[in-house]
Amino acid sequence: MKLQKAYVFKKNFIHFHSQKVKEGFTVLEIMLVLGLVAVLASVLTPITLNFYRSEQLDSHTGAIVQALRRAQIQSMNLEDDSSFGVRFDFEQYVLFKGVSYLKREQDYDEIFKLPQGLSLDGLSEVIFSKIRGVPSDAGEIVLTVASQRAVISINEMGVVHY
């Protein structure tokens, strides 16, 4: 009986190892996977880039609105008995203390950089009056990234809306 089991084991062992065992991937399988990855990348890249730009635009629009409202609140609270405003340039915007950007107290400047590719149009400077918080100019600030736009409106009463 033991001899028979040994013979069956030896026969199965030889039979198992005499067959060719395939290991790894074929060239065709690798090419199919690479093609699928390339198709997915070409479809998802524009979608991801568009989402990134949209989030960047929303983030900076919110930050500019926050700076405008902060300048207005500081003016209304008579902080340091001064007016406050926001100046918009191509690459940055500045929250400042003073009756104008040219006559400001530079020690109080808060400079906020804009990312490359984001542009600003519209009002270049908004100064809020003491106590009432009325803006020096009413109008719009337009932020643009690629083909996307966001508009911040400031009315005569000082209401900031986007």
C-alpha atoms as a PDB file:
ATOM      1  CA  MET A   1       0.000   0.000   0.000  1.00  0.00           C
ATOM      2  CA  LYS A   2       2.782   2.414   0.844  1.00  0.00           C
ATOM      3  CA  LEU A   3       4.520   1.530  -2.357  1.00  0.00           C
ATOM      4  CA  GLN A   4       1.415   2.259  -4.383  1.00  0.00           C
ATOM      5  CA  LYS A   5       0.948   5.702  -2.737  1.00  0.00           C
ATOM      6  CA  ALA A   6       4.578   6.565  -3.410  1.00  0.00           C
ATOM      7  CA  TYR A   7       4.191   5.552  -7.063  1.00  0.00           C
ATOM      8  CA  VAL A   8       1.016   7.682  -7.480  1.00  0.00           C
ATOM      9  CA  PHE A   9       2.705  10.651  -5.807  1.00  0.00           C
ATOM     10  CA  LYS A  10       5.804  10.289  -8.021  1.00  0.00           C
ATOM     11  CA  LYS A  11       3.666   9.956 -11.157  1.00  0.00           C
ATOM     12  CA  ASN A  12       1.604  13.103 -10.297  1.00  0.00           C
ATOM     13  CA  PHE A  13       4.737  15.055  -9.372  1.00  0.00           C
ATOM     14  CA  ILE A  14       6.435  14.227 -12.687  1.00  0.00           C
ATOM     15  CA  HIS A  15       3.257  14.947 -14.647  1.00  0.00           C
ATOM     16  CA  PHE A  16       2.802  18.328 -12.893  1.00  0.00           C
ATOM     17  CA  HIS A  17       6.367  19.478 -13.566  1.00  0.00           C
ATOM     18  CA  SER A  18       6.449  18.267 -17.141  1.00  0.00           C
ATOM     19  CA  GLN A  19       3.753  20.778 -18.147  1.00  0.00           C
ATOM     20  CA  LYS A  20       4.846  24.271 -19.148  1.00  0.00           C
ATOM     21  CA  VAL A  21       3.747  26.842 -16.598  1.00  0.00           C
ATOM     22  CA  LYS A  22       2.941  30.288 -17.974  1.00  0.00           C
ATOM     23  CA  GLU A  23       4.140  33.132 -15.790  1.00  0.00           C
ATOM     24  CA  GLY A  24       4.014  36.920 -16.357  1.00  0.00           C
ATOM     25  CA  PHE A  25       2.106  38.989 -18.901  1.00  0.00           C
ATOM     26  CA  THR A  26       2.111  38.833 -22.653  1.00  0.00           C
ATOM     27  CA  VAL A  27       3.048  41.836 -24.757  1.00  0.00           C
ATOM     28  CA  LEU A  28      -0.552  42.080 -25.933  1.00  0.00           C
ATOM     29  CA  GLU A  29      -1.854  42.299 -22.371  1.00  0.00           C
ATOM     30  CA  ILE A  30       0.657  45.020 -21.498  1.00  0.00           C
ATOM     31  CA  MET A  31      -0.238  47.019 -24.626  1.00  0.00           C
ATOM     32  CA  LEU A  32      -3.953  46.780 -23.819  1.00  0.00           C
ATOM     33  CA  VAL A  33      -3.415  48.062 -20.286  1.00  0.00           C
ATOM     34  CA  LEU A  34      -1.205  50.923 -21.494  1.00  0.00           C
ATOM     35  CA  GLY A  35      -3.786  51.863 -24.122  1.00  0.00           C
ATOM     36  CA  LEU A  36      -6.543  51.892 -21.511  1.00  0.00           C
ATOM     37  CA  VAL A  37      -4.443  54.082 -19.188  1.00  0.00           C
ATOM     38  CA  ALA A  38      -3.718  56.510 -22.061  1.00  0.00           C
ATOM     39  CA  VAL A  39      -7.424  56.795 -22.953  1.00  0.00           C
ATOM     40  CA  LEU A  40      -8.397  57.390 -19.315  1.00  0.00           C
ATOM     41  CA  ALA A  41      -5.659  60.018 -18.890  1.00  0.00           C
ATOM     42  CA  SER A  42      -6.722  61.891 -22.027  1.00  0.00           C
ATOM     43  CA  VAL A  43     -10.347  61.952 -20.846  1.00  0.00           C
ATOM     44  CA  LEU A  44      -9.733  62.769 -17.174  1.00  0.00           C
ATOM     45  CA  THR A  45      -6.985  65.409 -17.532  1.00  0.00           C
ATOM     46  CA  PRO A  46      -9.252  68.177 -18.942  1.00  0.00           C
ATOM     47  CA  ILE A  47     -11.945  67.385 -16.383  1.00  0.00           C
ATOM     48  CA  THR A  48      -9.447  67.514 -13.512  1.00  0.00           C
ATOM     49  CA  LEU A  49      -7.854  70.716 -14.800  1.00  0.00           C
ATOM     50  CA  ASN A  50     -11.261  72.370 -15.174  1.00  0.00           C
ATOM     51  CA  PHE A  51     -12.207  71.349 -11.626  1.00  0.00           C
ATOM     52  CA  TYR A  52      -8.902  72.719 -10.278  1.00  0.00           C
ATOM     53  CA  ARG A  53      -9.424  76.063 -12.017  1.00  0.00           C
ATOM     54  CA  SER A  54     -12.993  76.284 -10.752  1.00  0.00           C
ATOM     55  CA  GLU A  55     -11.905  75.629  -7.167  1.00  0.00           C
ATOM     56  CA  GLN A  56      -9.052  78.135  -7.507  1.00  0.00           C
ATOM     57  CA  LEU A  57     -11.478  80.783  -8.787  1.00  0.00           C
ATOM     58  CA  ASP A  58     -13.976  80.114  -5.972  1.00  0.00           C
ATOM     59  CA  SER A  59     -11.251  80.204  -3.345  1.00  0.00           C
ATOM     60  CA  HIS A  60      -9.761  83.516  -4.452  1.00  0.00           C
ATOM     61  CA  THR A  61     -13.167  85.104  -5.012  1.00  0.00           C
ATOM     62  CA  GLY A  62     -14.070  84.261  -1.425  1.00  0.00           C
ATOM     63  CA  ALA A  63     -10.746  85.608  -0.161  1.00  0.00           C
ATOM     64  CA  ILE A  64     -11.219  88.938  -2.003  1.00  0.00           C
ATOM     65  CA  VAL A  65     -14.773  89.292  -0.681  1.00  0.00           C
ATOM     66  CA  GLN A  66     -13.456  88.597   2.805  1.00  0.00           C
ATOM     67  CA  ALA A  67     -10.769  91.287   2.425  1.00  0.00           C
ATOM     68  CA  LEU A  68     -13.367  93.806   1.221  1.00  0.00           C
ATOM     69  CA  ARG A  69     -15.732  93.053   4.095  1.00  0.00           C
ATOM     70  CA  ARG A  70     -12.885  93.206   6.591  1.00  0.00           C
ATOM     71  CA  ALA A  71     -11.807  96.632   5.322  1.00  0.00           C
ATOM     72  CA  GLN A  72     -15.409  97.798   5.586  1.00  0.00           C
ATOM     73  CA  ILE A  73     -15.812  96.502   9.147  1.00  0.00           C
ATOM     74  CA  GLN A  74     -12.517  98.043  10.265  1.00  0.00           C
ATOM     75  CA  SER A  75     -13.627 101.405   8.822  1.00  0.00           C
ATOM     76  CA  MET A  76     -17.043 101.188  10.461  1.00  0.00           C
ATOM     77  CA  ASN A  77     -15.489 100.297  13.831  1.00  0.00           C
ATOM     78  CA  LEU A  78     -13.195 103.323  13.585  1.00  0.00           C
ATOM     79  CA  GLU A  79     -10.211 101.082  14.132  1.00  0.00           C
ATOM     80  CA  ASP A  80      -7.276 103.441  14.743  1.00  0.00           C
ATOM     81  CA  ASP A  81      -9.664 106.251  13.710  1.00  0.00           C
ATOM     82  CA  SER A  82      -8.960 105.529  10.055  1.00  0.00           C
ATOM     83  CA  SER A  83     -10.499 104.413   6.801  1.00  0.00           C
ATOM     84  CA  PHE A  84      -9.511 101.096   5.245  1.00  0.00           C
ATOM     85  CA  GLY A  85      -9.536  99.909   1.676  1.00  0.00           C
ATOM     86  CA  VAL A  86      -8.428  97.302  -0.820  1.00  0.00           C
ATOM     87  CA  ARG A  87      -6.194  97.949  -3.844  1.00  0.00           C
ATOM     88  CA  PHE A  88      -6.235  95.532  -6.811  1.00  0.00           C
ATOM     89  CA  ASP A  89      -3.214  95.007  -9.057  1.00  0.00           C
ATOM     90  CA  PHE A  90      -2.425  92.375 -11.672  1.00  0.00           C
ATOM     91  CA  GLU A  91      -0.558  89.981  -9.384  1.00  0.00           C
ATOM     92  CA  GLN A  92      -1.909  90.898  -5.950  1.00  0.00           C
ATOM     93  CA  TYR A  93      -4.402  92.802  -3.863  1.00  0.00           C
ATOM     94  CA  VAL A  94      -3.604  94.815  -0.750  1.00  0.00           C
ATOM     95  CA  LEU A  95      -5.727  95.528   2.316  1.00  0.00           C
ATOM     96  CA  PHE A  96      -4.499  98.912   3.526  1.00  0.00           C
ATOM     97  CA  LYS A  97      -5.124 101.582   6.144  1.00  0.00           C
ATOM     98  CA  GLY A  98      -5.588 105.154   4.954  1.00  0.00           C
ATOM     99  CA  VAL A  99      -7.700 107.516   2.883  1.00  0.00           C
ATOM    100  CA  SER A 100      -6.093 106.244  -0.334  1.00  0.00           C
ATOM    101  CA  TYR A 101      -3.523 103.709  -1.461  1.00  0.00           C
ATOM    102  CA  LEU A 102      -0.992 106.455  -2.159  1.00  0.00           C
ATOM    103  CA  LYS A 103      -1.475 108.020   1.302  1.00  0.00           C
ATOM    104  CA  ARG A 104      -1.693 104.750   3.229  1.00  0.00           C
ATOM    105  CA  GLU A 105       0.265 103.639   6.273  1.00  0.00           C
ATOM    106  CA  GLN A 106       2.444 100.930   4.732  1.00  0.00           C
ATOM    107  CA  ASP A 107       3.148  99.248   8.079  1.00  0.00           C
ATOM    108  CA  TYR A 108      -0.467  98.053   8.099  1.00  0.00           C
ATOM    109  CA  ASP A 109      -0.477  96.617   4.549  1.00  0.00           C
ATOM    110  CA  GLU A 110      -1.676  93.051   4.134  1.00  0.00           C
ATOM    111  CA  ILE A 111      -0.569  91.763   0.737  1.00  0.00           C
ATOM    112  CA  PHE A 112      -2.319  88.812  -0.904  1.00  0.00           C
ATOM    113  CA  LYS A 113      -0.696  87.235  -3.966  1.00  0.00           C
ATOM    114  CA  LEU A 114      -2.778  85.956  -6.853  1.00  0.00           C
ATOM    115  CA  PRO A 115      -1.815  82.722  -8.615  1.00  0.00           C
ATOM    116  CA  GLN A 116      -0.466  82.794 -12.134  1.00  0.00           C
ATOM    117  CA  GLY A 117      -3.266  82.582 -14.681  1.00  0.00           C
ATOM    118  CA  LEU A 118      -5.830  84.423 -12.559  1.00  0.00           C
ATOM    119  CA  SER A 119      -6.556  87.962 -13.728  1.00  0.00           C
ATOM    120  CA  LEU A 120      -8.484  90.871 -12.203  1.00  0.00           C
ATOM    121  CA  ASP A 121     -10.481  93.559 -14.020  1.00  0.00           C
ATOM    122  CA  GLY A 122     -12.814  96.289 -12.896  1.00  0.00           C
ATOM    123  CA  LEU A 123     -12.356  98.466  -9.829  1.00  0.00           C
ATOM    124  CA  SER A 124      -8.741  99.123  -8.943  1.00  0.00           C
ATOM    125  CA  GLU A 125      -9.298 100.536  -5.454  1.00  0.00           C
ATOM    126  CA  VAL A 126     -12.144 100.537  -2.936  1.00  0.00           C
ATOM    127  CA  ILE A 127     -11.948 102.640   0.235  1.00  0.00           C
ATOM    128  CA  PHE A 128     -14.671 102.443   2.848  1.00  0.00           C
ATOM    129  CA  SER A 129     -15.735 105.533   4.792  1.00  0.00           C
ATOM    130  CA  LYS A 130     -15.517 105.712   8.556  1.00  0.00           C
ATOM    131  CA  ILE A 131     -18.657 104.881  10.560  1.00  0.00           C
ATOM    132  CA  ARG A 132     -21.015 104.220   7.605  1.00  0.00           C
ATOM    133  CA  GLY A 133     -18.737 101.899   5.590  1.00  0.00           C
ATOM    134  CA  VAL A 134     -19.814 103.379   2.265  1.00  0.00           C
ATOM    135  CA  PRO A 135     -17.390 102.560  -0.574  1.00  0.00           C
ATOM    136  CA  SER A 136     -15.534 105.242  -2.518  1.00  0.00           C
ATOM    137  CA  ASP A 137     -16.641 103.577  -5.768  1.00  0.00           C
ATOM    138  CA  ALA A 138     -19.415 101.185  -6.629  1.00  0.00           C
ATOM    139  CA  GLY A 139     -18.880  98.663  -9.369  1.00  0.00           C
ATOM    140  CA  GLU A 140     -17.568  95.217 -10.158  1.00  0.00           C
ATOM    141  CA  ILE A 141     -14.386  93.231  -9.771  1.00  0.00           C
ATOM    142  CA  VAL A 142     -14.083  90.444 -12.336  1.00  0.00           C
ATOM    143  CA  LEU A 143     -11.817  87.454 -11.724  1.00  0.00           C
ATOM    144  CA  THR A 144     -10.954  85.261 -14.702  1.00  0.00           C
ATOM    145  CA  VAL A 145      -9.205  81.888 -14.955  1.00  0.00           C
ATOM    146  CA  ALA A 146      -9.060  80.405 -18.471  1.00  0.00           C
ATOM    147  CA  SER A 147     -12.683  80.616 -19.656  1.00  0.00           C
ATOM    148  CA  GLN A 148     -14.253  80.843 -16.187  1.00  0.00           C
ATOM    149  CA  ARG A 149     -15.309  84.108 -14.550  1.00  0.00           C
ATOM    150  CA  ALA A 150     -16.495  85.292 -11.174  1.00  0.00           C
ATOM    151  CA  VAL A 151     -17.974  88.740 -10.552  1.00  0.00           C
ATOM    152  CA  ILE A 152     -17.888  90.579  -7.231  1.00  0.00           C
ATOM    153  CA  SER A 153     -20.313  93.514  -7.044  1.00  0.00           C
ATOM    154  CA  ILE A 154     -20.160  96.421  -4.615  1.00  0.00           C
ATOM    155  CA  ASN A 155     -23.144  98.736  -4.556  1.00  0.00           C
ATOM    156  CA  GLU A 156     -23.400 102.353  -3.369  1.00  0.00           C
ATOM    157  CA  MET A 157     -24.473 101.284   0.120  1.00  0.00           C
ATOM    158  CA  GLY A 158     -21.429  99.035   0.538  1.00  0.00           C
ATOM    159  CA  VAL A 159     -23.101  95.677   0.048  1.00  0.00           C
ATOM    160  CA  VAL A 160     -20.543  93.208  -1.324  1.00  0.00           C
ATOM    161  CA  HIS A 161     -22.116  90.434  -3.379  1.00  0.00           C
ATOM    162  CA  TYR A 162     -20.759  87.588  -5.512  1.00  0.00           C
END
